[in-house]
Amino acid sequence: MKMMHWNSVIPAASWVLAAGLLLLAGCEQKPKGPQPTVINGVEVDLAKFQQAFLNAAPEVQTSVSRVHLAVRYGQYAQAEAMARKIVHLPGLTEAQQAVAQEVHRQLQELVRRTPTRPPP
């Protein structure tokens, strides 16, 4: 019968242990969902903004989508103006009001930090 030596078992066991620890370390931090978009050093949480208005009236959802599109195409001043209108809409829930105000402030900061382009 062949005997197994500890000096050959220990290195194999340490590799298995190390691999297991690496797997566990990689699984600990999972993303919490969509992260804010960073534009010109400003975090703009458009995903949270759209999520807050999923159950809103269709015309409000359209306005929220227009804000998102304006940001996507670099029309930050227009996006800020549209977000300001959404903040003042009647009938918003407290959560919608809070998110709308937060995104409006973020867009104001984005407009302030974005250099204006001279007309062509």
C-alpha atoms as a PDB file:
ATOM      1  CA  MET A   1       0.000   0.000   0.000  1.00  0.00           C
ATOM      2  CA  LYS A   2       1.332   3.367  -0.993  1.00  0.00           C
ATOM      3  CA  MET A   3       1.485   6.045   1.730  1.00  0.00           C
ATOM      4  CA  MET A   4       0.685   9.645   0.997  1.00  0.00           C
ATOM      5  CA  HIS A   5       3.156  12.173   2.329  1.00  0.00           C
ATOM      6  CA  TRP A   6       1.905  15.343   4.012  1.00  0.00           C
ATOM      7  CA  ASN A   7       4.325  17.468   2.054  1.00  0.00           C
ATOM      8  CA  SER A   8       2.403  16.652  -1.162  1.00  0.00           C
ATOM      9  CA  VAL A   9      -1.072  17.101   0.367  1.00  0.00           C
ATOM     10  CA  ILE A  10      -0.504  20.476   2.023  1.00  0.00           C
ATOM     11  CA  PRO A  11       0.400  22.424  -1.152  1.00  0.00           C
ATOM     12  CA  ALA A  12      -2.676  21.041  -2.939  1.00  0.00           C
ATOM     13  CA  ALA A  13      -4.921  21.885   0.003  1.00  0.00           C
ATOM     14  CA  SER A  14      -3.527  25.426   0.196  1.00  0.00           C
ATOM     15  CA  TRP A  15      -4.315  25.964  -3.502  1.00  0.00           C
ATOM     16  CA  VAL A  16      -7.888  24.794  -2.978  1.00  0.00           C
ATOM     17  CA  LEU A  17      -8.242  27.022   0.081  1.00  0.00           C
ATOM     18  CA  ALA A  18      -6.817  30.031  -1.783  1.00  0.00           C
ATOM     19  CA  ALA A  19      -9.167  29.473  -4.725  1.00  0.00           C
ATOM     20  CA  GLY A  20     -12.137  29.234  -2.359  1.00  0.00           C
ATOM     21  CA  LEU A  21     -11.203  32.474  -0.631  1.00  0.00           C
ATOM     22  CA  LEU A  22     -10.889  34.268  -3.961  1.00  0.00           C
ATOM     23  CA  LEU A  23     -14.338  33.084  -4.985  1.00  0.00           C
ATOM     24  CA  LEU A  24     -15.849  34.263  -1.718  1.00  0.00           C
ATOM     25  CA  ALA A  25     -14.117  37.638  -1.949  1.00  0.00           C
ATOM     26  CA  GLY A  26     -15.472  38.164  -5.449  1.00  0.00           C
ATOM     27  CA  CYS A  27     -19.039  37.358  -4.398  1.00  0.00           C
ATOM     28  CA  GLU A  28     -19.277  39.734  -1.461  1.00  0.00           C
ATOM     29  CA  GLN A  29     -19.925  43.009  -3.271  1.00  0.00           C
ATOM     30  CA  LYS A  30     -22.816  42.927  -5.660  1.00  0.00           C
ATOM     31  CA  PRO A  31     -24.033  46.052  -7.464  1.00  0.00           C
ATOM     32  CA  LYS A  32     -27.113  47.572  -5.861  1.00  0.00           C
ATOM     33  CA  GLY A  33     -28.677  48.406  -9.202  1.00  0.00           C
ATOM     34  CA  PRO A  34     -28.070  51.062 -11.790  1.00  0.00           C
ATOM     35  CA  GLN A  35     -25.451  53.537 -10.685  1.00  0.00           C
ATOM     36  CA  PRO A  36     -25.650  57.286 -11.315  1.00  0.00           C
ATOM     37  CA  THR A  37     -24.164  58.559 -14.552  1.00  0.00           C
ATOM     38  CA  VAL A  38     -21.151  60.849 -14.100  1.00  0.00           C
ATOM     39  CA  ILE A  39     -21.052  63.743 -16.567  1.00  0.00           C
ATOM     40  CA  ASN A  40     -18.420  66.475 -16.287  1.00  0.00           C
ATOM     41  CA  GLY A  41     -17.750  65.343 -12.717  1.00  0.00           C
ATOM     42  CA  VAL A  42     -21.428  65.502 -11.693  1.00  0.00           C
ATOM     43  CA  GLU A  43     -23.410  62.413 -10.709  1.00  0.00           C
ATOM     44  CA  VAL A  44     -26.851  62.489 -12.329  1.00  0.00           C
ATOM     45  CA  ASP A  45     -29.139  59.687 -11.160  1.00  0.00           C
ATOM     46  CA  LEU A  46     -31.395  59.325 -14.191  1.00  0.00           C
ATOM     47  CA  ALA A  47     -32.104  55.649 -13.489  1.00  0.00           C
ATOM     48  CA  LYS A  48     -33.504  56.525 -10.061  1.00  0.00           C
ATOM     49  CA  PHE A  49     -35.459  59.388 -11.656  1.00  0.00           C
ATOM     50  CA  GLN A  50     -37.093  57.102 -14.220  1.00  0.00           C
ATOM     51  CA  GLN A  51     -37.734  54.403 -11.606  1.00  0.00           C
ATOM     52  CA  ALA A  52     -39.572  56.871  -9.358  1.00  0.00           C
ATOM     53  CA  PHE A  53     -42.025  57.728 -12.135  1.00  0.00           C
ATOM     54  CA  LEU A  54     -42.799  54.235 -13.486  1.00  0.00           C
ATOM     55  CA  ASN A  55     -46.370  54.397 -12.150  1.00  0.00           C
ATOM     56  CA  ALA A  56     -46.955  58.078 -12.939  1.00  0.00           C
ATOM     57  CA  ALA A  57     -49.417  59.392 -15.496  1.00  0.00           C
ATOM     58  CA  PRO A  58     -48.334  58.920 -19.129  1.00  0.00           C
ATOM     59  CA  GLU A  59     -47.720  62.647 -19.686  1.00  0.00           C
ATOM     60  CA  VAL A  60     -45.414  62.750 -16.642  1.00  0.00           C
ATOM     61  CA  GLN A  61     -43.544  59.667 -17.884  1.00  0.00           C
ATOM     62  CA  THR A  62     -43.126  61.410 -21.245  1.00  0.00           C
ATOM     63  CA  SER A  63     -41.617  64.444 -19.515  1.00  0.00           C
ATOM     64  CA  VAL A  64     -39.233  62.233 -17.549  1.00  0.00           C
ATOM     65  CA  SER A  65     -38.168  60.489 -20.765  1.00  0.00           C
ATOM     66  CA  ARG A  66     -37.554  63.865 -22.407  1.00  0.00           C
ATOM     67  CA  VAL A  67     -35.253  64.854 -19.543  1.00  0.00           C
ATOM     68  CA  HIS A  68     -33.308  61.635 -20.070  1.00  0.00           C
ATOM     69  CA  LEU A  69     -33.036  62.212 -23.821  1.00  0.00           C
ATOM     70  CA  ALA A  70     -31.924  65.822 -23.368  1.00  0.00           C
ATOM     71  CA  VAL A  71     -29.135  64.669 -21.057  1.00  0.00           C
ATOM     72  CA  ARG A  72     -28.184  61.911 -23.480  1.00  0.00           C
ATOM     73  CA  TYR A  73     -27.770  64.438 -26.292  1.00  0.00           C
ATOM     74  CA  GLY A  74     -25.882  66.971 -24.173  1.00  0.00           C
ATOM     75  CA  GLN A  75     -28.758  69.460 -23.905  1.00  0.00           C
ATOM     76  CA  TYR A  76     -28.257  69.996 -20.199  1.00  0.00           C
ATOM     77  CA  ALA A  77     -29.971  73.388 -19.898  1.00  0.00           C
ATOM     78  CA  GLN A  78     -33.104  71.980 -21.562  1.00  0.00           C
ATOM     79  CA  ALA A  79     -32.996  68.935 -19.288  1.00  0.00           C
ATOM     80  CA  GLU A  80     -32.717  71.196 -16.236  1.00  0.00           C
ATOM     81  CA  ALA A  81     -35.674  73.313 -17.365  1.00  0.00           C
ATOM     82  CA  MET A  82     -37.830  70.223 -17.953  1.00  0.00           C
ATOM     83  CA  ALA A  83     -36.826  68.754 -14.572  1.00  0.00           C
ATOM     84  CA  ARG A  84     -37.776  72.046 -12.909  1.00  0.00           C
ATOM     85  CA  LYS A  85     -41.264  71.742 -14.414  1.00  0.00           C
ATOM     86  CA  ILE A  86     -41.574  68.175 -13.138  1.00  0.00           C
ATOM     87  CA  VAL A  87     -40.617  69.287  -9.618  1.00  0.00           C
ATOM     88  CA  HIS A  88     -43.567  71.703  -9.610  1.00  0.00           C
ATOM     89  CA  LEU A  89     -46.180  69.281 -10.970  1.00  0.00           C
ATOM     90  CA  PRO A  90     -49.172  68.773  -8.683  1.00  0.00           C
ATOM     91  CA  GLY A  91     -49.971  65.286  -7.437  1.00  0.00           C
ATOM     92  CA  LEU A  92     -46.442  63.919  -7.054  1.00  0.00           C
ATOM     93  CA  THR A  93     -45.826  61.508  -4.198  1.00  0.00           C
ATOM     94  CA  GLU A  94     -43.288  62.483  -1.550  1.00  0.00           C
ATOM     95  CA  ALA A  95     -40.809  60.009  -3.023  1.00  0.00           C
ATOM     96  CA  GLN A  96     -41.295  61.370  -6.551  1.00  0.00           C
ATOM     97  CA  GLN A  97     -40.954  64.937  -5.281  1.00  0.00           C
ATOM     98  CA  ALA A  98     -37.721  64.099  -3.452  1.00  0.00           C
ATOM     99  CA  VAL A  99     -36.172  62.327  -6.457  1.00  0.00           C
ATOM    100  CA  ALA A 100     -37.272  65.085  -8.846  1.00  0.00           C
ATOM    101  CA  GLN A 101     -35.713  67.747  -6.607  1.00  0.00           C
ATOM    102  CA  GLU A 102     -32.501  65.731  -6.273  1.00  0.00           C
ATOM    103  CA  VAL A 103     -32.144  65.246 -10.040  1.00  0.00           C
ATOM    104  CA  HIS A 104     -33.036  68.899 -10.657  1.00  0.00           C
ATOM    105  CA  ARG A 105     -30.221  69.972  -8.305  1.00  0.00           C
ATOM    106  CA  GLN A 106     -27.838  67.582 -10.058  1.00  0.00           C
ATOM    107  CA  LEU A 107     -28.797  69.034 -13.445  1.00  0.00           C
ATOM    108  CA  GLN A 108     -28.339  72.580 -12.148  1.00  0.00           C
ATOM    109  CA  GLU A 109     -24.813  71.635 -11.074  1.00  0.00           C
ATOM    110  CA  LEU A 110     -24.196  69.993 -14.446  1.00  0.00           C
ATOM    111  CA  VAL A 111     -25.286  73.142 -16.298  1.00  0.00           C
ATOM    112  CA  ARG A 112     -23.029  75.232 -14.056  1.00  0.00           C
ATOM    113  CA  ARG A 113     -20.001  72.982 -14.699  1.00  0.00           C
ATOM    114  CA  THR A 114     -20.498  72.554 -18.435  1.00  0.00           C
ATOM    115  CA  PRO A 115     -18.778  75.167 -20.586  1.00  0.00           C
ATOM    116  CA  THR A 116     -21.074  76.850 -23.051  1.00  0.00           C
ATOM    117  CA  ARG A 117     -20.289  76.489 -26.714  1.00  0.00           C
ATOM    118  CA  PRO A 118     -20.239  79.512 -28.978  1.00  0.00           C
ATOM    119  CA  PRO A 119     -22.922  79.455 -31.686  1.00  0.00           C
ATOM    120  CA  PRO A 120     -21.743  78.060 -35.043  1.00  0.00           C
END
